[in-house]
Amino acid sequence: MKMTISVKLFAALCVLNAAVPVAYAAVSGQDAEQLKTTLTPLGAEKAGNKDGSIPAWTGGYTTVPANYKAGERRFDPFAADKPLYRITADNMNQYADKLSDSVKALLKKYPKTFRLDVYPTRRTAAAPQWVYDNTFKNATHAKLENDGLSVTGAFGGVPFPIPKNGEEVRWNHLTRWRGEAIASRYKVWSMTASGQRVMATDAVTTDQYPYYKKGGSAATNADAEFFLSIQSTTAPAFRAGEALLVRDVVDVTKGTKIWQYLAGQRRVRRAPNIAFDTPDFVASGTSFADETFGGFGSPERYNYTLVGKKELYIPYNTNKLFMVKDEEAMDAGHLKPEQLRWELHRVWVVEATLKEGKRHAVPKRISYHDEDTWGTAIMDGWDPKGQLWRTSLMLPFVAPDLPAVVNYCTDTFFNLQTGAWVYHCSMGTDSDAQYKATSFRPDSFFTPDALSNQGTR
């Protein structure tokens, strides 16, 4: 796997300083100038690869149809594309160097039904100019402190567009551009190895990102919050009326704040246990809390090593999933291959291993981060015996109205050992808003008192 010189140098420094808390410095102004030349404004390589299978980035996809209105069912701008080729269990060795361990495992586990339909790579990622401007400023101002648990000097853009270590890549993932304020409906389906399908959660959610409030600054976001979310569950019946509130921060030492409204108890309570390897109740306990959205919550239990960059087949521009009902997308064991779009992209590779004295059911993870969005594309996990155990596949879709490639809220999770899996989607029905941009809500909307009002029953 190819590594840059700077990554090799950092790896050596990590060995010398492994036991010492450090503060990581921002890059120089000269290095930051790459964001205006050889790199995209968010830090990806602007050029394509040698054989042209990955094209150059030319600004992303920002074309909104004249008849499209915010809140309408999303569309597939590339519906006319045809697969270039298919990767199956029979020919996977031909493409092995560009497949994650988990995708290889899925091909072997479901040799007759699972495959990768590989489409032309379209580098659709984009963001508003003010996000690009903030990213350029962050490059020379953002720092990691408190041994990688706090980000300072960053606001409104990618904090570390030219990363020097794995912690910086993870923070880029956590703070990736997904819009300023969003309303959506999402569903979570939990499937057993025998093929039984269960509706785990049907909920409406309001998310907003103080870190990305246009015209703001780190000073106006004094609480260092980057993600506020409040969701109300409508189904299944035994969970209807429950509600959840999250206030997440770029300074983990301050602590993520999570509250639950439990309909049966008719009260709001703090829920600090919704973290790390606690089974995720939203997914009926099939996955862990920190596996949500390709990696969620505090990074405090792992050391993150930046391995380098490589080319990998990943799901991308998966808007075709918006065109079918959930039941039409799901098959036994996995999503139907014809409903997925795979593309070849460059990804950053980060290996996470447990810190000394820390515990987690998953002692080792490898995550692959899309260079254009910084979002996790695939995250694999190994059990204490060193056996590949679990994986999350993110299903990013293009939203030119934001503009963005949204690497969030649509994904699948697989327990590779038991065969259980989860489909987390933001599809809704024909009349439901699908990831709709909205105006900022007042801070009072994201409080425990407001959560109590959201809950009904």
Protein backbone atom coordinates (compact mmCIF):
# COMPACT_ATOMS: atom_id res chain seq x y z
CA MET A 1 0.00 0.00 0.00
CA LYS A 2 1.42 3.33 -1.05
CA MET A 3 2.23 5.80 1.72
CA THR A 4 3.31 9.40 1.41
CA ILE A 5 6.61 10.53 2.93
CA SER A 6 4.80 12.69 5.48
CA VAL A 7 2.77 9.71 6.70
CA LYS A 8 5.93 7.62 7.12
CA LEU A 9 7.55 10.41 9.09
CA PHE A 10 4.52 10.74 11.33
CA ALA A 11 4.48 6.97 11.96
CA ALA A 12 8.05 7.19 13.22
CA LEU A 13 7.17 10.09 15.51
CA CYS A 14 4.26 8.09 16.91
CA VAL A 15 6.66 5.41 18.10
CA LEU A 16 8.71 7.98 19.97
CA ASN A 17 5.71 9.67 21.55
CA ALA A 18 3.24 6.82 22.02
CA ALA A 19 2.96 7.28 25.77
CA VAL A 20 3.02 11.08 25.82
CA PRO A 21 -0.08 13.25 25.24
CA VAL A 22 0.66 15.60 22.37
CA ALA A 23 -0.82 18.57 20.56
CA TYR A 24 -0.60 18.31 16.77
CA ALA A 25 0.31 21.45 14.83
CA ALA A 26 -1.44 22.83 11.75
CA VAL A 27 0.25 22.70 8.33
CA SER A 28 2.30 25.53 6.89
CA GLY A 29 0.91 28.18 4.59
CA GLN A 30 3.00 26.75 1.76
CA ASP A 31 1.44 23.29 2.24
CA ALA A 32 -2.04 24.82 2.44
CA GLU A 33 -1.56 26.35 -1.02
CA GLN A 34 -1.96 22.83 -2.42
CA LEU A 35 -5.71 23.25 -1.75
CA LYS A 36 -5.72 25.76 -4.60
CA THR A 37 -3.57 23.75 -7.01
CA THR A 38 -3.02 19.98 -6.86
CA LEU A 39 -5.66 19.25 -4.22
CA THR A 40 -9.40 19.88 -4.24
CA PRO A 41 -10.65 22.57 -1.84
CA LEU A 42 -11.47 19.80 0.68
CA GLY A 43 -8.10 18.05 0.40
CA ALA A 44 -8.48 15.21 -2.14
CA GLU A 45 -6.11 14.64 -5.05
CA LYS A 46 -7.51 16.71 -7.89
CA ALA A 47 -5.98 14.58 -10.65
CA GLY A 48 -7.32 11.24 -11.78
CA ASN A 49 -5.36 8.02 -11.60
CA LYS A 50 -2.94 6.78 -14.24
CA ASP A 51 -5.32 4.57 -16.22
CA GLY A 52 -8.22 7.02 -16.07
CA SER A 53 -10.54 4.71 -14.12
CA ILE A 54 -10.69 7.47 -11.50
CA PRO A 55 -11.26 10.80 -13.27
CA ALA A 56 -10.02 14.21 -12.23
CA TRP A 57 -12.23 16.26 -9.89
CA THR A 58 -13.71 19.16 -11.83
CA GLY A 59 -15.99 20.77 -9.27
CA GLY A 60 -18.38 17.99 -8.31
CA TYR A 61 -22.04 17.64 -9.26
CA THR A 62 -24.13 20.75 -8.56
CA THR A 63 -26.84 20.56 -11.22
CA VAL A 64 -30.34 20.83 -9.75
CA PRO A 65 -33.22 20.09 -12.18
CA ALA A 66 -35.36 23.14 -12.83
CA ASN A 67 -38.49 21.32 -11.67
CA TYR A 68 -37.00 19.96 -8.44
CA LYS A 69 -38.35 21.38 -5.18
CA ALA A 70 -36.78 20.93 -1.75
CA GLY A 71 -38.44 18.10 0.11
CA GLU A 72 -39.51 16.21 -2.98
CA ARG A 73 -38.44 12.64 -3.49
CA ARG A 74 -34.78 12.64 -4.51
CA PHE A 75 -33.74 11.64 -8.00
CA ASP A 76 -31.01 9.58 -9.64
CA PRO A 77 -28.98 11.86 -11.94
CA PHE A 78 -27.13 8.88 -13.39
CA ALA A 79 -30.03 6.52 -14.06
CA ALA A 80 -28.87 6.03 -17.66
CA ASP A 81 -25.47 4.67 -16.59
CA LYS A 82 -24.79 0.98 -17.17
CA PRO A 83 -22.37 -1.21 -15.19
CA LEU A 84 -18.90 -1.46 -16.71
CA TYR A 85 -18.39 -4.93 -15.23
CA ARG A 86 -19.39 -7.12 -12.33
CA ILE A 87 -17.27 -8.54 -9.53
CA THR A 88 -18.43 -11.91 -8.22
CA ALA A 89 -17.09 -14.73 -6.10
CA ASP A 90 -15.81 -16.33 -9.28
CA ASN A 91 -13.68 -13.41 -10.52
CA MET A 92 -12.93 -11.56 -7.26
CA ASN A 93 -9.25 -12.57 -7.26
CA GLN A 94 -8.79 -10.42 -10.36
CA TYR A 95 -9.77 -7.35 -8.30
CA ALA A 96 -8.55 -8.48 -4.86
CA ASP A 97 -6.12 -5.59 -4.32
CA LYS A 98 -9.01 -3.12 -4.58
CA LEU A 99 -11.48 -4.95 -2.31
CA SER A 100 -11.76 -4.63 1.46
CA ASP A 101 -11.50 -7.79 3.55
CA SER A 102 -15.18 -7.52 4.39
CA VAL A 103 -16.35 -7.25 0.77
CA LYS A 104 -14.28 -10.33 -0.05
CA ALA A 105 -15.96 -12.09 2.88
CA LEU A 106 -19.44 -11.13 1.65
CA LEU A 107 -18.65 -12.40 -1.85
CA LYS A 108 -17.53 -15.72 -0.37
CA LYS A 109 -20.46 -15.93 2.06
CA TYR A 110 -23.11 -15.28 -0.61
CA PRO A 111 -21.45 -16.49 -3.83
CA LYS A 112 -24.71 -16.91 -5.73
CA THR A 113 -26.46 -13.66 -4.76
CA PHE A 114 -23.91 -10.99 -3.74
CA ARG A 115 -21.94 -9.10 -6.37
CA LEU A 116 -20.57 -5.67 -7.17
CA ASP A 117 -22.01 -3.87 -10.18
CA VAL A 118 -19.19 -1.44 -10.96
CA TYR A 119 -20.18 1.81 -12.67
CA PRO A 120 -18.11 4.68 -14.10
CA THR A 121 -16.53 6.66 -11.27
CA ARG A 122 -18.16 10.06 -10.87
CA ARG A 123 -16.48 12.45 -8.47
CA THR A 124 -19.63 14.30 -7.51
CA ALA A 125 -18.55 15.67 -4.11
CA ALA A 126 -19.01 19.41 -3.72
CA ALA A 127 -19.62 22.06 -1.08
CA PRO A 128 -20.45 25.78 -1.00
CA GLN A 129 -17.59 28.20 -1.59
CA TRP A 130 -17.71 29.40 2.01
CA VAL A 131 -17.00 25.82 3.16
CA TYR A 132 -13.98 25.76 0.85
CA ASP A 133 -12.80 29.11 2.22
CA ASN A 134 -13.13 27.90 5.81
CA THR A 135 -11.30 24.67 4.98
CA PHE A 136 -8.36 26.66 3.59
CA LYS A 137 -8.24 28.70 6.79
CA ASN A 138 -8.55 25.59 8.97
CA ALA A 139 -5.52 24.02 7.29
CA THR A 140 -3.19 26.55 8.94
CA HIS A 141 -5.13 27.07 12.17
CA ALA A 142 -6.70 23.78 13.28
CA LYS A 143 -4.93 21.73 15.90
CA LEU A 144 -5.53 18.55 17.87
CA GLU A 145 -5.10 18.85 21.63
CA ASN A 146 -5.66 16.64 24.68
CA ASP A 147 -4.01 13.68 22.96
CA GLY A 148 -6.29 13.95 19.96
CA LEU A 149 -9.57 14.36 21.86
CA SER A 150 -10.07 18.07 21.13
CA VAL A 151 -10.08 20.12 17.94
CA THR A 152 -9.25 23.83 18.22
CA GLY A 153 -8.95 26.57 15.62
CA ALA A 154 -11.41 25.01 13.17
CA PHE A 155 -14.88 26.01 12.00
CA GLY A 156 -17.16 25.65 9.01
CA GLY A 157 -14.99 23.33 6.90
CA VAL A 158 -12.79 20.26 6.95
CA PRO A 159 -10.52 20.78 9.97
CA PHE A 160 -7.52 18.85 8.59
CA PRO A 161 -7.63 18.78 4.77
CA ILE A 162 -3.97 17.74 4.67
CA PRO A 163 -3.94 15.11 7.44
CA LYS A 164 -0.80 13.98 9.23
CA ASN A 165 -2.27 11.21 11.38
CA GLY A 166 -5.24 8.92 11.87
CA GLU A 167 -6.88 11.07 14.54
CA GLU A 168 -7.12 13.96 12.08
CA VAL A 169 -8.78 11.75 9.47
CA ARG A 170 -11.32 10.53 12.02
CA TRP A 171 -12.17 14.12 13.01
CA ASN A 172 -12.56 14.98 9.32
CA HIS A 173 -15.09 12.13 9.14
CA LEU A 174 -16.99 13.27 12.23
CA THR A 175 -17.22 16.89 11.05
CA ARG A 176 -17.76 16.19 7.32
CA TRP A 177 -20.01 18.51 5.31
CA ARG A 178 -23.62 17.22 5.21
CA GLY A 179 -25.51 20.51 5.08
CA GLU A 180 -26.34 23.14 7.69
CA ALA A 181 -29.74 21.98 8.95
CA ILE A 182 -31.66 18.90 7.78
CA ALA A 183 -35.07 17.30 8.28
CA SER A 184 -35.67 13.70 7.25
CA ARG A 185 -37.39 10.46 7.98
CA TYR A 186 -35.42 7.28 8.35
CA LYS A 187 -36.04 3.59 8.87
CA VAL A 188 -33.88 0.85 10.29
CA TRP A 189 -34.51 -2.74 9.26
CA SER A 190 -32.91 -5.57 11.22
CA MET A 191 -32.53 -8.95 9.52
CA THR A 192 -31.68 -12.32 11.00
CA ALA A 193 -29.48 -14.96 9.38
CA SER A 194 -32.61 -16.99 8.63
CA GLY A 195 -34.03 -14.12 6.58
CA GLN A 196 -36.55 -12.75 9.08
CA ARG A 197 -37.07 -9.02 8.55
CA VAL A 198 -37.97 -6.73 11.46
CA MET A 199 -38.74 -3.02 11.46
CA ALA A 200 -36.44 -1.84 14.24
CA THR A 201 -37.09 1.92 13.97
CA ASP A 202 -39.17 4.34 11.95
CA ALA A 203 -38.48 7.91 13.00
CA VAL A 204 -38.48 11.54 11.96
CA THR A 205 -35.38 13.52 12.75
CA THR A 206 -34.13 17.10 12.79
CA ASP A 207 -30.37 17.57 12.56
CA GLN A 208 -28.31 20.71 12.49
CA TYR A 209 -24.65 21.54 12.54
CA PRO A 210 -23.60 24.61 14.56
CA TYR A 211 -20.08 24.00 13.26
CA TYR A 212 -21.41 24.74 9.77
CA LYS A 213 -23.65 27.71 10.49
CA LYS A 214 -22.95 30.08 7.61
CA GLY A 215 -21.42 33.32 8.80
CA GLY A 216 -20.46 31.84 12.16
CA SER A 217 -17.09 31.19 13.73
CA ALA A 218 -15.48 29.15 16.45
CA ALA A 219 -16.15 32.09 18.80
CA THR A 220 -19.91 32.05 18.08
CA ASN A 221 -19.95 28.27 18.64
CA ALA A 222 -18.60 28.63 22.15
CA ASP A 223 -19.77 25.19 23.27
CA ALA A 224 -17.76 23.60 20.41
CA GLU A 225 -20.80 21.63 19.28
CA PHE A 226 -20.76 20.23 15.75
CA PHE A 227 -23.89 18.07 15.69
CA LEU A 228 -27.36 18.52 17.23
CA SER A 229 -30.07 15.95 16.58
CA ILE A 230 -33.52 15.23 17.90
CA GLN A 231 -35.56 12.29 16.68
CA SER A 232 -39.05 11.01 17.37
CA THR A 233 -39.93 7.36 16.85
CA THR A 234 -43.25 6.47 15.24
CA ALA A 235 -42.82 2.69 14.81
CA PRO A 236 -42.78 -0.14 15.72
CA ALA A 237 -45.79 0.17 18.00
CA PHE A 238 -44.01 -0.79 21.22
CA ARG A 239 -41.46 2.02 20.67
CA ALA A 240 -43.81 4.68 19.27
CA GLY A 241 -43.47 7.92 21.21
CA GLU A 242 -39.84 7.46 22.19
CA ALA A 243 -37.46 10.32 21.47
CA LEU A 244 -33.69 10.87 21.46
CA LEU A 245 -31.53 14.00 21.73
CA VAL A 246 -27.83 14.24 20.85
CA ARG A 247 -25.49 17.21 21.32
CA ASP A 248 -22.02 16.27 20.06
CA VAL A 249 -18.82 18.28 20.49
CA VAL A 250 -15.37 18.75 18.95
CA ASP A 251 -13.91 18.65 22.47
CA VAL A 252 -14.49 15.17 23.83
CA THR A 253 -13.24 16.24 27.26
CA LYS A 254 -16.50 18.19 27.57
CA GLY A 255 -18.50 15.05 26.83
CA THR A 256 -21.19 14.23 24.29
CA LYS A 257 -24.62 14.77 25.80
CA ILE A 258 -27.40 12.28 25.01
CA TRP A 259 -30.89 12.12 26.45
CA GLN A 260 -33.75 9.67 25.95
CA TYR A 261 -37.48 10.10 26.39
CA LEU A 262 -38.95 6.73 27.34
CA ALA A 263 -42.65 6.57 26.58
CA GLY A 264 -43.32 3.88 29.19
CA GLN A 265 -41.77 5.96 31.96
CA ARG A 266 -42.94 9.30 30.56
CA ARG A 267 -39.72 11.02 31.53
CA VAL A 268 -36.45 12.24 30.05
CA ARG A 269 -33.17 10.83 31.33
CA ARG A 270 -29.49 11.23 30.49
CA ALA A 271 -28.16 8.27 28.52
CA PRO A 272 -24.34 8.24 28.69
CA ASN A 273 -24.39 4.50 28.04
CA ILE A 274 -25.37 5.06 24.37
CA ALA A 275 -21.73 4.89 23.29
CA PHE A 276 -18.88 2.62 22.30
CA ASP A 277 -19.81 -1.10 22.24
CA THR A 278 -23.25 -0.75 23.81
CA PRO A 279 -25.72 -2.57 21.52
CA ASP A 280 -27.57 -0.01 19.42
CA PHE A 281 -31.25 -0.17 20.40
CA VAL A 282 -32.18 1.74 17.22
CA ALA A 283 -30.97 -1.33 15.29
CA SER A 284 -32.45 -3.88 17.72
CA GLY A 285 -29.00 -4.43 19.22
CA THR A 286 -27.53 -5.98 16.07
CA SER A 287 -24.74 -3.38 15.81
CA PHE A 288 -22.89 -1.28 18.38
CA ALA A 289 -23.58 2.38 19.15
CA ASP A 290 -20.23 3.59 17.78
CA GLU A 291 -20.74 1.76 14.47
CA THR A 292 -23.58 4.12 13.55
CA PHE A 293 -22.98 6.22 10.42
CA GLY A 294 -19.55 4.67 9.81
CA GLY A 295 -18.17 5.69 13.19
CA PHE A 296 -19.93 7.79 15.83
CA GLY A 297 -18.89 9.28 19.14
CA SER A 298 -15.72 9.70 21.12
CA PRO A 299 -12.41 8.38 19.72
CA GLU A 300 -10.94 8.05 23.21
CA ARG A 301 -10.58 4.25 23.37
CA TYR A 302 -8.45 3.72 20.26
CA ASN A 303 -5.10 4.64 18.81
CA TYR A 304 -5.53 5.63 15.15
CA THR A 305 -2.74 4.88 12.68
CA LEU A 306 -2.80 6.49 9.25
CA VAL A 307 -1.73 3.62 7.00
CA GLY A 308 -1.88 5.54 3.72
CA LYS A 309 -4.07 5.86 0.67
CA LYS A 310 -5.26 3.28 -1.88
CA GLU A 311 -7.85 2.66 -4.59
CA LEU A 312 -10.93 0.74 -3.44
CA TYR A 313 -14.32 -0.30 -4.76
CA ILE A 314 -16.95 1.38 -2.57
CA PRO A 315 -20.68 2.16 -2.81
CA TYR A 316 -21.10 5.67 -4.25
CA ASN A 317 -23.77 7.90 -5.80
CA THR A 318 -26.38 5.38 -4.60
CA ASN A 319 -29.38 7.56 -5.47
CA LYS A 320 -31.09 4.66 -7.20
CA LEU A 321 -32.00 3.40 -3.71
CA PHE A 322 -34.29 6.44 -3.42
CA MET A 323 -36.28 5.24 -6.39
CA VAL A 324 -37.51 1.97 -4.84
CA LYS A 325 -39.36 1.00 -1.69
CA ASP A 326 -37.31 -0.47 1.14
CA GLU A 327 -38.73 -3.94 0.59
CA GLU A 328 -37.67 -3.80 -3.07
CA ALA A 329 -34.09 -3.00 -2.09
CA MET A 330 -33.61 -5.84 0.39
CA ASP A 331 -32.75 -9.47 -0.33
CA ALA A 332 -31.88 -12.38 1.93
CA GLY A 333 -28.52 -11.62 3.53
CA HIS A 334 -27.87 -8.24 1.87
CA LEU A 335 -29.27 -5.54 -0.41
CA LYS A 336 -30.15 -6.56 -3.94
CA PRO A 337 -27.03 -6.05 -6.10
CA GLU A 338 -28.99 -4.42 -8.92
CA GLN A 339 -30.08 -1.65 -6.55
CA LEU A 340 -26.51 -0.69 -5.59
CA ARG A 341 -23.88 1.30 -7.43
CA TRP A 342 -20.17 0.60 -6.78
CA GLU A 343 -17.37 2.83 -8.04
CA LEU A 344 -13.58 2.92 -7.80
CA HIS A 345 -12.35 5.74 -5.55
CA ARG A 346 -9.26 6.64 -3.59
CA VAL A 347 -9.58 6.22 0.15
CA TRP A 348 -7.52 7.00 3.23
CA VAL A 349 -6.86 3.85 5.30
CA VAL A 350 -6.91 4.18 9.09
CA GLU A 351 -6.25 1.33 11.52
CA ALA A 352 -7.70 1.62 15.03
CA THR A 353 -6.33 -0.49 17.89
CA LEU A 354 -7.29 -0.39 21.54
CA LYS A 355 -5.34 1.90 23.81
CA GLU A 356 -3.59 0.28 26.74
CA GLY A 357 -6.01 -0.08 29.66
CA LYS A 358 -9.11 0.49 27.50
CA ARG A 359 -11.74 -2.09 26.64
CA HIS A 360 -14.04 -2.62 23.67
CA ALA A 361 -15.65 -5.71 22.14
CA VAL A 362 -13.94 -4.84 18.84
CA PRO A 363 -10.18 -4.57 19.56
CA LYS A 364 -9.20 -3.74 15.99
CA ARG A 365 -10.85 -1.80 13.18
CA ILE A 366 -9.81 -0.65 9.74
CA SER A 367 -11.77 2.19 8.18
CA TYR A 368 -11.60 3.43 4.61
CA HIS A 369 -12.38 7.14 4.17
CA ASP A 370 -13.48 8.56 0.83
CA GLU A 371 -10.90 11.20 -0.10
CA ASP A 372 -13.51 13.54 -1.61
CA THR A 373 -15.90 13.69 1.38
CA TRP A 374 -13.80 12.33 4.29
CA GLY A 375 -16.75 10.16 5.28
CA THR A 376 -16.16 6.52 6.12
CA ALA A 377 -16.84 4.34 3.10
CA ILE A 378 -16.27 0.95 4.77
CA MET A 379 -15.38 0.07 8.37
CA ASP A 380 -14.27 -3.47 9.22
CA GLY A 381 -13.92 -4.93 12.72
CA TRP A 382 -12.09 -7.94 14.15
CA ASP A 383 -12.94 -9.95 17.26
CA PRO A 384 -10.51 -10.65 20.16
CA LYS A 385 -9.37 -13.86 18.41
CA GLY A 386 -8.30 -11.90 15.36
CA GLN A 387 -11.19 -13.10 13.19
CA LEU A 388 -12.99 -10.71 10.85
CA TRP A 389 -16.33 -10.11 12.56
CA ARG A 390 -18.32 -7.12 11.34
CA THR A 391 -18.48 -4.42 8.74
CA SER A 392 -20.34 -1.22 7.90
CA LEU A 393 -20.85 -0.15 4.28
CA MET A 394 -21.90 3.46 3.87
CA LEU A 395 -24.21 4.30 0.95
CA PRO A 396 -23.46 7.94 0.01
CA PHE A 397 -25.86 9.80 -2.28
CA VAL A 398 -25.43 12.99 -4.26
CA ALA A 399 -27.52 16.00 -3.19
CA PRO A 400 -26.70 18.83 -5.64
CA ASP A 401 -29.12 21.21 -3.93
CA LEU A 402 -26.84 21.43 -0.85
CA PRO A 403 -24.43 20.73 -2.70
CA ALA A 404 -22.89 17.60 -1.20
CA VAL A 405 -22.34 13.91 -1.46
CA VAL A 406 -24.09 12.90 1.74
CA ASN A 407 -22.13 10.19 3.48
CA TYR A 408 -24.63 9.79 6.28
CA CYS A 409 -27.97 8.18 7.19
CA THR A 410 -27.95 5.42 4.56
CA ASP A 411 -25.81 2.37 5.24
CA THR A 412 -25.76 -1.35 5.85
CA PHE A 413 -24.14 -3.27 8.70
CA PHE A 414 -23.20 -6.96 8.63
CA ASN A 415 -22.28 -9.41 11.37
CA LEU A 416 -20.12 -11.62 9.16
CA GLN A 417 -20.06 -14.45 11.68
CA THR A 418 -23.77 -14.80 12.46
CA GLY A 419 -25.25 -13.54 9.17
CA ALA A 420 -27.42 -10.91 10.87
CA TRP A 421 -27.48 -7.52 9.15
CA VAL A 422 -29.05 -4.06 9.24
CA TYR A 423 -30.30 -1.66 6.57
CA HIS A 424 -30.38 1.94 7.76
CA CYS A 425 -32.08 4.11 5.16
CA SER A 426 -33.45 7.60 4.69
CA MET A 427 -35.82 6.67 1.91
CA GLY A 428 -39.30 7.34 3.24
CA THR A 429 -42.37 7.03 1.04
CA ASP A 430 -43.31 8.97 -2.05
CA SER A 431 -44.77 11.78 0.05
CA ASP A 432 -41.97 11.97 2.64
CA ALA A 433 -39.24 14.59 2.66
CA GLN A 434 -35.92 12.91 1.98
CA TYR A 435 -32.98 14.67 3.59
CA LYS A 436 -34.50 18.13 3.21
CA ALA A 437 -32.45 21.26 3.84
CA THR A 438 -34.19 23.52 6.38
CA SER A 439 -33.52 26.74 8.27
CA PHE A 440 -31.69 26.73 11.61
CA ARG A 441 -33.80 25.98 14.66
CA PRO A 442 -33.26 27.90 17.91
CA ASP A 443 -30.99 26.22 20.42
CA SER A 444 -34.02 25.69 22.69
CA PHE A 445 -35.34 23.16 20.18
CA PHE A 446 -32.49 20.80 21.14
CA THR A 447 -33.02 20.63 24.90
CA PRO A 448 -34.31 17.98 27.30
CA ASP A 449 -37.51 20.00 27.79
CA ALA A 450 -38.09 20.02 24.03
CA LEU A 451 -37.36 16.29 23.94
CA SER A 452 -40.11 15.69 26.46
CA ASN A 453 -42.52 17.56 24.19
CA GLN A 454 -41.40 15.51 21.19
CA GLY A 455 -42.26 12.27 22.95
CA THR A 456 -45.92 11.30 22.88
CA ARG A 457 -47.73 8.38 24.42
